[in-house]
Protein backbone atom coordinates (compact mmCIF):
# COMPACT_ATOMS: atom_id res chain seq x y z
CA MET A 1 -7.87 15.02 34.90
CA ILE A 2 -10.82 12.63 34.67
CA PHE A 3 -8.65 9.93 33.16
CA THR A 4 -6.03 9.85 35.89
CA LYS A 5 -7.88 7.89 38.59
CA HIS A 6 -9.74 4.74 37.62
CA GLY A 7 -9.20 5.85 34.02
CA ASN A 8 -9.65 2.46 32.33
CA ALA A 9 -12.90 1.66 34.17
CA PHE A 10 -14.29 5.12 33.39
CA ARG A 11 -13.43 4.79 29.70
CA TRP A 12 -15.08 1.36 29.48
CA ILE A 13 -18.23 2.71 31.15
CA ILE A 14 -18.38 5.52 28.57
CA ILE A 15 -17.79 3.09 25.69
CA ILE A 16 -20.45 0.61 26.88
CA ALA A 17 -22.98 3.37 27.60
CA SER A 18 -22.35 4.97 24.19
CA PHE A 19 -22.72 1.60 22.48
CA PHE A 20 -26.00 0.94 24.32
CA ILE A 21 -27.42 4.37 23.47
CA VAL A 22 -26.45 4.11 19.80
CA SER A 23 -27.87 0.58 19.58
CA LEU A 24 -31.14 1.75 21.16
CA ILE A 25 -31.42 4.68 18.73
CA LEU A 26 -30.72 2.42 15.75
CA TRP A 27 -33.24 -0.15 16.93
CA LYS A 28 -35.95 2.48 17.47
CA THR A 29 -35.17 3.96 14.08
CA TYR A 30 -35.52 0.54 12.49
CA GLU A 31 -38.86 0.00 14.28
CA PHE A 32 -40.12 3.39 13.09
CA PHE A 33 -38.97 2.61 9.55
CA GLN A 34 -40.83 -0.71 9.53
CA HIS A 35 -43.92 0.89 11.04
CA PHE A 36 -43.90 3.63 8.41
CA LYS A 37 -43.33 1.04 5.69
CA ASP A 38 -46.34 -0.99 6.95
CA GLU A 39 -48.47 2.15 6.89
CA GLU A 40 -47.48 2.81 3.28
CA ARG A 41 -48.35 -0.81 2.47
CA THR A 42 -51.77 -0.38 4.06
CA LYS A 43 -52.27 2.87 2.12
CA MET A 44 -51.45 1.16 -1.17
CA GLU A 45 -53.72 -1.78 -0.36
CA ASN A 46 -56.54 0.69 0.29
CA TRP A 47 -55.69 2.36 -2.98
CA SER A 48 -55.94 -1.00 -4.76
CA LEU A 49 -59.39 -1.57 -3.23
CA ALA A 50 -60.46 1.87 -4.38
CA GLN A 51 -59.10 1.11 -7.85
CA ASN A 52 -61.05 -2.11 -7.87
CA GLU A 53 -64.21 -0.22 -6.99
CA LEU A 54 -63.43 2.31 -9.73
CA ILE A 55 -63.20 -0.47 -12.31
CA ASN A 56 -66.45 -2.03 -11.09
CA SER A 57 -68.14 1.38 -11.18
CA ASP A 58 -68.10 1.23 -14.94
CA ILE A 59 -70.54 -1.58 -14.62
CA ASN A 60 -72.54 -0.55 -11.56
CA SER A 61 -72.28 3.23 -12.21
CA ASN A 62 -71.92 3.81 -8.47
CA LEU A 63 -68.67 5.47 -7.29
CA GLY A 64 -68.60 6.79 -3.71
CA GLU A 65 -66.95 10.01 -2.56
CA LEU A 66 -64.70 8.05 -0.18
CA THR A 67 -63.32 6.03 -3.10
CA LEU A 68 -62.39 9.20 -4.95
CA GLN A 69 -60.69 10.59 -1.86
CA VAL A 70 -58.59 7.42 -1.50
CA LEU A 71 -57.61 7.47 -5.15
CA ASN A 72 -56.55 11.12 -4.89
CA SER A 73 -54.84 10.81 -1.49
CA ASN A 74 -51.52 9.42 -2.72
CA LYS A 75 -49.29 12.48 -3.05
CA THR A 76 -45.89 10.97 -2.21
CA THR A 77 -45.58 7.25 -2.96
CA PRO A 78 -44.38 6.54 -6.52
CA MET A 79 -46.46 3.80 -8.18
CA LEU A 80 -47.27 2.09 -11.47
CA VAL A 81 -50.37 0.14 -12.42
CA ILE A 82 -49.51 -2.49 -15.04
CA ASN A 83 -52.39 -4.15 -16.87
CA GLU A 84 -52.64 -7.90 -17.39
CA ASP A 85 -51.33 -7.56 -20.94
CA GLY A 86 -48.23 -5.69 -19.71
CA SER A 87 -49.32 -2.24 -20.79
CA LEU A 88 -49.15 0.75 -18.49
CA GLY A 89 -52.49 1.50 -16.90
CA THR A 90 -51.82 4.51 -14.73
CA HIS A 91 -49.07 6.02 -12.64
CA ASN A 92 -48.60 8.42 -9.77
CA ASN A 93 -45.73 10.57 -8.45
CA ILE A 94 -43.47 9.65 -11.40
CA ASP A 95 -41.86 11.98 -13.93
CA ASP A 96 -44.37 12.40 -16.76
CA THR A 97 -41.64 13.21 -19.27
CA ARG A 98 -40.04 9.76 -18.86
CA ILE A 99 -43.07 7.57 -18.35
CA THR A 100 -43.37 6.98 -22.10
CA ASP A 101 -39.93 5.32 -22.13
CA SER A 102 -40.59 1.57 -21.91
CA ILE A 103 -37.03 0.81 -20.74
CA TYR A 104 -37.38 3.34 -17.94
CA VAL A 105 -40.69 1.79 -16.90
CA LYS A 106 -39.15 -1.71 -16.80
CA LYS A 107 -36.33 -0.45 -14.59
CA LEU A 108 -38.86 1.17 -12.28
CA ILE A 109 -40.81 -2.08 -12.02
CA LEU A 110 -37.64 -4.01 -11.05
CA LYS A 111 -36.71 -1.31 -8.55
CA PHE A 112 -40.18 -1.24 -6.98
CA GLU A 113 -40.26 -5.05 -6.77
CA LYS A 114 -37.07 -4.96 -4.68
CA GLU A 115 -38.50 -2.33 -2.34
CA ASN A 116 -42.03 -3.70 -1.89
CA ASN A 117 -44.09 -6.71 -2.90
CA PRO A 118 -46.51 -5.89 -5.76
CA ILE A 119 -50.24 -5.73 -5.00
CA PRO A 120 -52.56 -7.47 -7.45
CA ILE A 121 -55.95 -5.96 -8.36
CA ILE A 122 -58.35 -8.86 -8.70
CA ILE A 123 -61.54 -8.61 -10.69
CA GLY A 124 -63.66 -11.66 -10.29
CA ASP A 125 -61.33 -14.64 -10.27
CA SER A 126 -58.51 -13.15 -12.32
CA ILE A 127 -55.81 -10.50 -11.89
CA ALA A 128 -56.82 -7.46 -13.88
CA SER A 129 -53.69 -5.45 -13.11
CA THR A 130 -50.79 -5.17 -10.66
CA ILE A 131 -49.65 -2.24 -8.55
CA TYR A 132 -45.89 -1.71 -8.29
CA TYR A 133 -44.91 0.93 -5.77
CA GLY A 134 -41.68 2.22 -4.28
CA ASN A 135 -40.69 3.94 -1.09
CA SER A 136 -41.77 7.51 -0.56
CA PRO A 137 -39.07 10.24 -0.38
CA LEU A 138 -39.54 10.46 3.38
CA LEU A 139 -39.06 6.70 3.76
CA ASN A 140 -35.91 6.82 1.63
CA LYS A 141 -34.49 9.59 3.81
CA LEU A 142 -35.37 7.63 6.92
CA LYS A 143 -33.62 4.58 5.49
CA TYR A 144 -30.29 6.41 5.39
CA TYR A 145 -30.71 7.99 8.81
CA PRO A 146 -28.98 5.10 10.70
CA LEU A 147 -25.99 5.35 8.35
CA ALA A 148 -25.75 9.08 8.99
CA LEU A 149 -26.03 8.45 12.72
CA LEU A 150 -23.27 5.82 12.59
CA LEU A 151 -21.06 8.24 10.63
CA ILE A 152 -21.64 10.92 13.26
CA VAL A 153 -20.83 8.45 16.05
CA VAL A 154 -17.64 7.32 14.26
CA LEU A 155 -16.54 10.93 13.72
CA PHE A 156 -17.35 11.78 17.33
CA GLY A 157 -15.37 8.74 18.49
CA ALA A 158 -12.47 9.76 16.26
CA VAL A 159 -12.48 13.26 17.77
CA ILE A 160 -12.47 11.82 21.30
CA PHE A 161 -9.66 9.41 20.42
CA PHE A 162 -7.64 12.19 18.80
CA PHE A 163 -8.17 14.44 21.80
CA TYR A 164 -7.20 11.71 24.26
CA SER A 165 -4.21 10.63 22.16
CA SER A 166 -3.04 14.24 21.77
CA ASN A 167 -3.50 14.86 25.47
CA LYS A 168 -1.54 11.71 26.30
CA ASN A 169 1.25 12.64 23.88
CA ALA A 170 1.37 16.16 25.30
CA THR A 171 1.66 14.74 28.81
CA GLN A 172 4.46 12.41 27.71
CA ASN A 173 6.25 15.26 25.96
CA LYS A 174 6.06 17.38 29.11
CA LEU A 175 7.41 14.45 31.12
CA TRP A 176 10.25 13.95 28.65
CA SER A 177 11.11 17.64 28.71
CA GLY A 178 10.86 17.92 32.47
CA MET A 179 13.05 14.88 33.09
CA ALA A 180 15.61 16.03 30.53
CA LYS A 181 15.87 19.56 31.94
CA GLU A 182 16.08 18.27 35.50
CA THR A 183 18.80 15.77 34.52
CA ALA A 184 20.82 18.50 32.80
CA HIS A 185 20.42 20.68 35.90
CA GLN A 186 21.48 17.88 38.25
CA ILE A 187 24.56 17.04 36.17
CA GLY A 188 25.52 20.71 35.88
CA THR A 189 26.21 21.16 39.59
CA PRO A 190 28.86 18.41 40.06
CA LEU A 191 30.24 19.20 36.59
CA SER A 192 31.06 22.76 37.64
CA SER A 193 32.73 21.37 40.72
CA LEU A 194 34.81 18.91 38.67
CA ILE A 195 36.00 21.72 36.41
CA GLY A 196 37.12 23.66 39.49
CA TRP A 197 38.91 20.65 40.97
CA THR A 198 40.69 20.10 37.64
CA GLU A 199 42.12 23.61 37.78
CA ILE A 200 43.29 23.01 41.37
CA LEU A 201 45.02 19.77 40.31
CA LYS A 202 46.82 21.62 37.55
CA SER A 203 48.26 24.07 40.08
CA ASP A 204 49.43 21.18 42.30
CA ASN A 205 51.70 19.77 39.58
CA VAL A 206 49.70 16.55 39.19
CA ASN A 207 50.70 14.26 36.31
CA PRO A 208 49.38 16.00 33.13
CA ASP A 209 48.28 12.65 31.69
CA TYR A 210 45.90 12.18 34.60
CA ILE A 211 44.51 15.66 34.15
CA ALA A 212 44.09 15.09 30.40
CA GLU A 213 41.98 11.99 31.07
CA ILE A 214 39.91 13.84 33.65
CA GLU A 215 39.32 16.65 31.16
CA LYS A 216 38.14 14.10 28.58
CA ASP A 217 35.57 12.84 31.04
CA VAL A 218 34.59 16.41 31.91
CA ASP A 219 34.10 17.17 28.22
CA ARG A 220 32.04 14.01 27.96
CA LEU A 221 29.83 15.14 30.82
CA LYS A 222 29.46 18.53 29.11
CA THR A 223 28.26 16.76 25.97
CA ILE A 224 25.77 14.69 27.98
CA THR A 225 24.50 17.83 29.71
CA GLU A 226 24.04 19.57 26.35
CA ARG A 227 22.14 16.54 25.04
CA PHE A 228 19.68 16.55 27.92
CA SER A 229 19.22 20.30 27.78
CA LYS A 230 18.42 20.08 24.05
CA ILE A 231 16.04 17.11 24.39
CA GLY A 232 14.12 19.17 26.95
CA SER A 233 13.39 21.91 24.40
CA LEU A 234 13.16 22.35 20.65
CA PRO A 235 16.74 21.91 19.37
CA THR A 236 18.37 23.99 16.66
CA LEU A 237 19.24 22.19 13.42
CA GLU A 238 22.14 23.19 11.20
CA ALA A 239 23.16 21.94 7.77
CA THR A 240 25.97 19.53 8.64
CA ASP A 241 27.99 16.86 6.84
CA ILE A 242 26.37 13.67 8.14
CA ILE A 243 29.35 11.57 7.06
CA LYS A 244 31.74 13.52 9.30
CA GLU A 245 29.36 13.46 12.28
CA THR A 246 28.77 9.71 11.89
CA VAL A 247 32.48 8.97 11.53
CA ASP A 248 33.30 11.05 14.63
CA SER A 249 30.75 9.15 16.72
CA TYR A 250 31.92 5.85 15.24
CA ASP A 251 35.58 6.55 16.05
CA TYR A 252 34.75 7.59 19.61
CA LEU A 253 32.76 4.41 20.27
CA LYS A 254 35.24 2.12 18.53
CA ALA A 255 38.10 3.40 20.69
CA ARG A 256 36.13 2.63 23.85
CA SER A 257 34.69 -0.77 22.89
CA SER A 258 35.99 -4.31 23.22
CA ASN A 259 38.61 -5.56 20.80
CA LEU A 260 36.35 -8.57 20.25
CA ILE A 261 34.05 -6.35 18.19
CA ASP A 262 35.03 -6.12 14.52
CA PHE A 263 34.06 -2.56 13.52
CA GLU A 264 33.53 -1.49 9.91
CA ILE A 265 32.20 1.73 8.40
CA ILE A 266 31.14 2.22 4.79
CA THR A 267 30.65 5.76 3.51
CA PRO A 268 30.40 7.37 0.07
CA GLU A 269 32.95 9.91 -1.07
CA GLY A 270 32.36 13.60 -0.61
CA ASN A 271 29.91 15.35 1.71
CA ILE A 272 26.23 14.71 2.35
CA PRO A 273 24.59 17.73 4.03
CA VAL A 274 21.71 17.08 6.42
CA ASN A 275 19.98 19.43 8.86
CA LEU A 276 21.19 18.03 12.17
CA ASN A 277 21.63 18.81 15.80
CA LYS A 278 25.13 17.39 16.29
CA GLN A 279 24.82 16.45 19.97
CA LEU A 280 21.47 14.71 19.56
CA TYR A 281 22.46 12.91 16.37
CA SER A 282 25.64 11.55 17.95
CA TRP A 283 23.49 10.40 20.87
CA CYS A 284 21.35 8.37 18.42
CA ILE A 285 24.39 6.72 16.85
CA GLU A 286 25.75 5.97 20.31
CA ASN A 287 22.47 4.38 21.44
CA LEU A 288 22.21 2.23 18.32
CA VAL A 289 25.84 1.07 18.45
CA LYS A 290 25.63 0.26 22.16
CA ASN A 291 22.44 -1.72 21.62
CA ALA A 292 24.13 -3.63 18.78
CA ILE A 293 27.11 -4.43 21.02
CA ASP A 294 24.78 -5.62 23.79
CA ALA A 295 22.89 -7.81 21.28
CA MET A 296 26.20 -9.46 20.30
CA LYS A 297 27.18 -9.87 23.98
CA GLY A 298 30.46 -8.07 23.31
CA ARG A 299 31.62 -10.29 20.44
CA GLY A 300 30.82 -10.05 16.72
CA LYS A 301 30.84 -7.75 13.71
CA LEU A 302 29.30 -4.29 13.56
CA ILE A 303 28.85 -2.36 10.32
CA VAL A 304 27.86 1.30 10.01
CA GLU A 305 26.89 2.21 6.45
CA ILE A 306 25.84 5.53 4.92
CA SER A 307 24.11 5.62 1.55
CA GLN A 308 22.18 8.18 -0.45
CA LEU A 309 19.12 7.68 -2.64
CA GLU A 310 18.10 10.90 -4.42
CA ASN A 311 17.25 13.34 -1.59
CA ASN A 312 17.18 10.75 1.19
CA VAL A 313 20.16 9.70 3.30
CA LYS A 314 20.23 6.26 4.91
CA VAL A 315 22.35 5.39 7.94
CA SER A 316 22.31 1.66 8.73
CA ILE A 317 23.75 -0.09 11.79
CA THR A 318 24.10 -3.86 11.31
CA ASP A 319 25.15 -6.37 13.97
CA THR A 320 25.57 -10.14 14.19
CA GLY A 321 23.64 -10.44 17.43
CA LYS A 322 20.66 -12.47 18.62
CA GLY A 323 18.15 -10.79 16.30
CA ILE A 324 14.60 -9.52 16.83
CA SER A 325 11.28 -11.26 16.21
CA LYS A 326 9.24 -9.64 13.45
CA LYS A 327 6.35 -9.02 15.86
CA ASP A 328 8.71 -6.92 18.01
CA PHE A 329 9.99 -4.66 15.20
CA ASN A 330 7.84 -1.75 16.41
CA LYS A 331 7.79 -2.70 20.09
CA ILE A 332 11.51 -2.09 20.56
CA PHE A 333 10.91 1.66 20.08
CA THR A 334 8.21 1.75 22.77
CA PRO A 335 9.25 3.46 26.04
CA GLY A 336 9.92 0.86 28.73
CA TYR A 337 10.37 -2.08 26.34
CA THR A 338 13.62 -3.95 26.97
CA THR A 339 14.97 -7.50 26.85
CA LYS A 340 17.84 -6.71 29.20
CA LYS A 341 17.81 -7.68 32.86
CA ARG A 342 19.13 -4.21 33.64
CA GLY A 343 17.77 -1.35 31.66
CA TRP A 344 14.97 1.18 31.46
CA GLY A 345 14.02 0.58 27.84
CA LEU A 346 14.46 4.27 26.95
CA GLY A 347 17.43 4.24 24.57
CA LEU A 348 15.64 3.29 21.34
CA SER A 349 12.48 5.24 22.20
CA LEU A 350 14.63 8.31 22.83
CA THR A 351 16.43 7.69 19.54
CA ARG A 352 13.13 7.53 17.66
CA ARG A 353 11.98 10.75 19.33
CA ILE A 354 15.18 12.52 18.27
CA ILE A 355 15.05 11.24 14.68
CA GLU A 356 11.31 11.53 13.98
CA ASP A 357 10.17 14.44 16.15
CA PHE A 358 13.24 16.66 16.03
CA HIS A 359 14.78 15.77 12.65
CA ASP A 360 11.61 14.86 10.71
CA GLY A 361 13.17 11.55 9.74
CA LYS A 362 12.33 7.86 10.07
CA ILE A 363 13.86 4.97 11.98
CA LYS A 364 12.93 1.33 11.61
CA VAL A 365 14.17 -2.24 11.83
CA LEU A 366 15.16 -2.84 8.22
CA GLN A 367 15.72 -6.56 8.67
CA SER A 368 16.46 -9.08 11.39
CA GLN A 369 16.91 -12.83 11.77
CA LYS A 370 17.10 -14.82 14.96
CA GLU A 371 20.70 -15.60 15.94
CA LYS A 372 21.99 -13.93 12.75
CA GLY A 373 21.68 -10.23 13.40
CA THR A 374 19.75 -7.03 12.93
CA THR A 375 19.90 -3.93 10.75
CA ILE A 376 18.35 -0.71 12.02
CA GLN A 377 18.07 2.10 9.51
CA ILE A 378 17.76 5.87 9.94
CA SER A 379 16.34 7.90 7.04
CA LEU A 380 16.90 11.66 6.83
CA LYS A 381 16.34 14.27 4.16
CA ARG A 382 19.29 15.89 2.44
CA ALA A 383 19.70 19.58 3.26
CA THR A 384 19.35 22.12 0.47
CA ASN A 385 20.86 25.08 2.34
CA TYR A 386 24.37 23.68 2.78
CA VAL A 387 27.28 25.91 1.81
C-alpha cells in the first residue's frame, strides 16, 4: 500500500500539491475574469463614444459606418441608457416585455451599478445620459466557475478521505478478526489438554472439590474462547432477556470481587427482550465492571442499573472512582488509550466494537466528575421477535 511507508509525508505532499494547484487555477480564473470584465468595460466605453457621435450626427448629419457597427455590435451585454431627466433612452439585451415596468427598470439600474460603474455620455460640458450595464451571461457563468471548482475539490477530497478511512477501518477490522481467531486457536490447545487432565484426575480419586474448581476454570476458559471466536467473525444475535443476562454477569463478578466493593443492581420487573450475543454481551459487562473497580482502586460503591424508555433499553454502570475529564469522554474508547500503568487500552474499545458494530447500539460516558465517579451507559434496541 502507498500509505504504509512514509505515509504521513506522502499525504502532506499530496495535500500541499493539491492546494497549490487549486490556488493557481483559482488565481488564473480570477485574472481571466478581470481581463474579460475590462474588455467589456472597454466595449461599453466605445459604445458610449459611438452613442455620443450618433447624438452629434443630428447636428452635423455625418454618421460613419464604423459608428453604426459599434452601436450594433453589442449582442450580449445587458444595458440601459438613462437620460438626464431620468427617462429611459434606449436599452439592449433586456426583456422587451418588462422594460416598460418602471420598478423593474429601477431594480436593473441598482443591480447594474453593483456590477459595474456607470458610464456617462457627455455632450458639451454636461451629462446628456448615463449608461448602466451589467455582466454578460458568459461573465456571470465565469464568476461561478471558482465556486464550482471548489465544490468539485471538496467532493474529491471527501471521496479520498472516505476511501482512506474505509481502508483504514477495514485493515483494523481484519487485524481485530485475525487476532481474535488466533487467540481462540491458541487457547483451544491447552484447554483441550486441561479437559483431558481433569478426566484423569477424576479416575485417580482426587478430592472432588478440587476437580469442581478446576472445571469452573475450564468452563471459564471455554467462555473466553467462545468470545474470541465470535469477535473474529460476525456473531449470531438471539432475542434474549437482557435483565437475566446482566444479572448473571453481575452475580459472577460480585462473587469474585473484593468485599470492599459495595455492589448494587437495580432492574425493572418482568423481562426486557433484546437481540444479544450472550457471550459478547457478558464480556462487555465484565469489562465495564472491572474498569469501574480499577477506577475505585478496589474500594467504593458500584451500581448496575437497567431502565427502559419506549423501545430503548439503557444499562448503566456507575462507580465512585476517580472520574474522567470531559475532554477524555470519547478518548477512553480509542484503542490503546489507558491511564493504567499496566494495560493495553483495549477493554473499552473492544466493548464499543461489540455494542455498536455487532449489536447496533450505543455506548457513552453519561456523566463523570473528578474524584466523585463515572457513569457509562449502554443503549440497545428492544427486540420485537421475542417469544
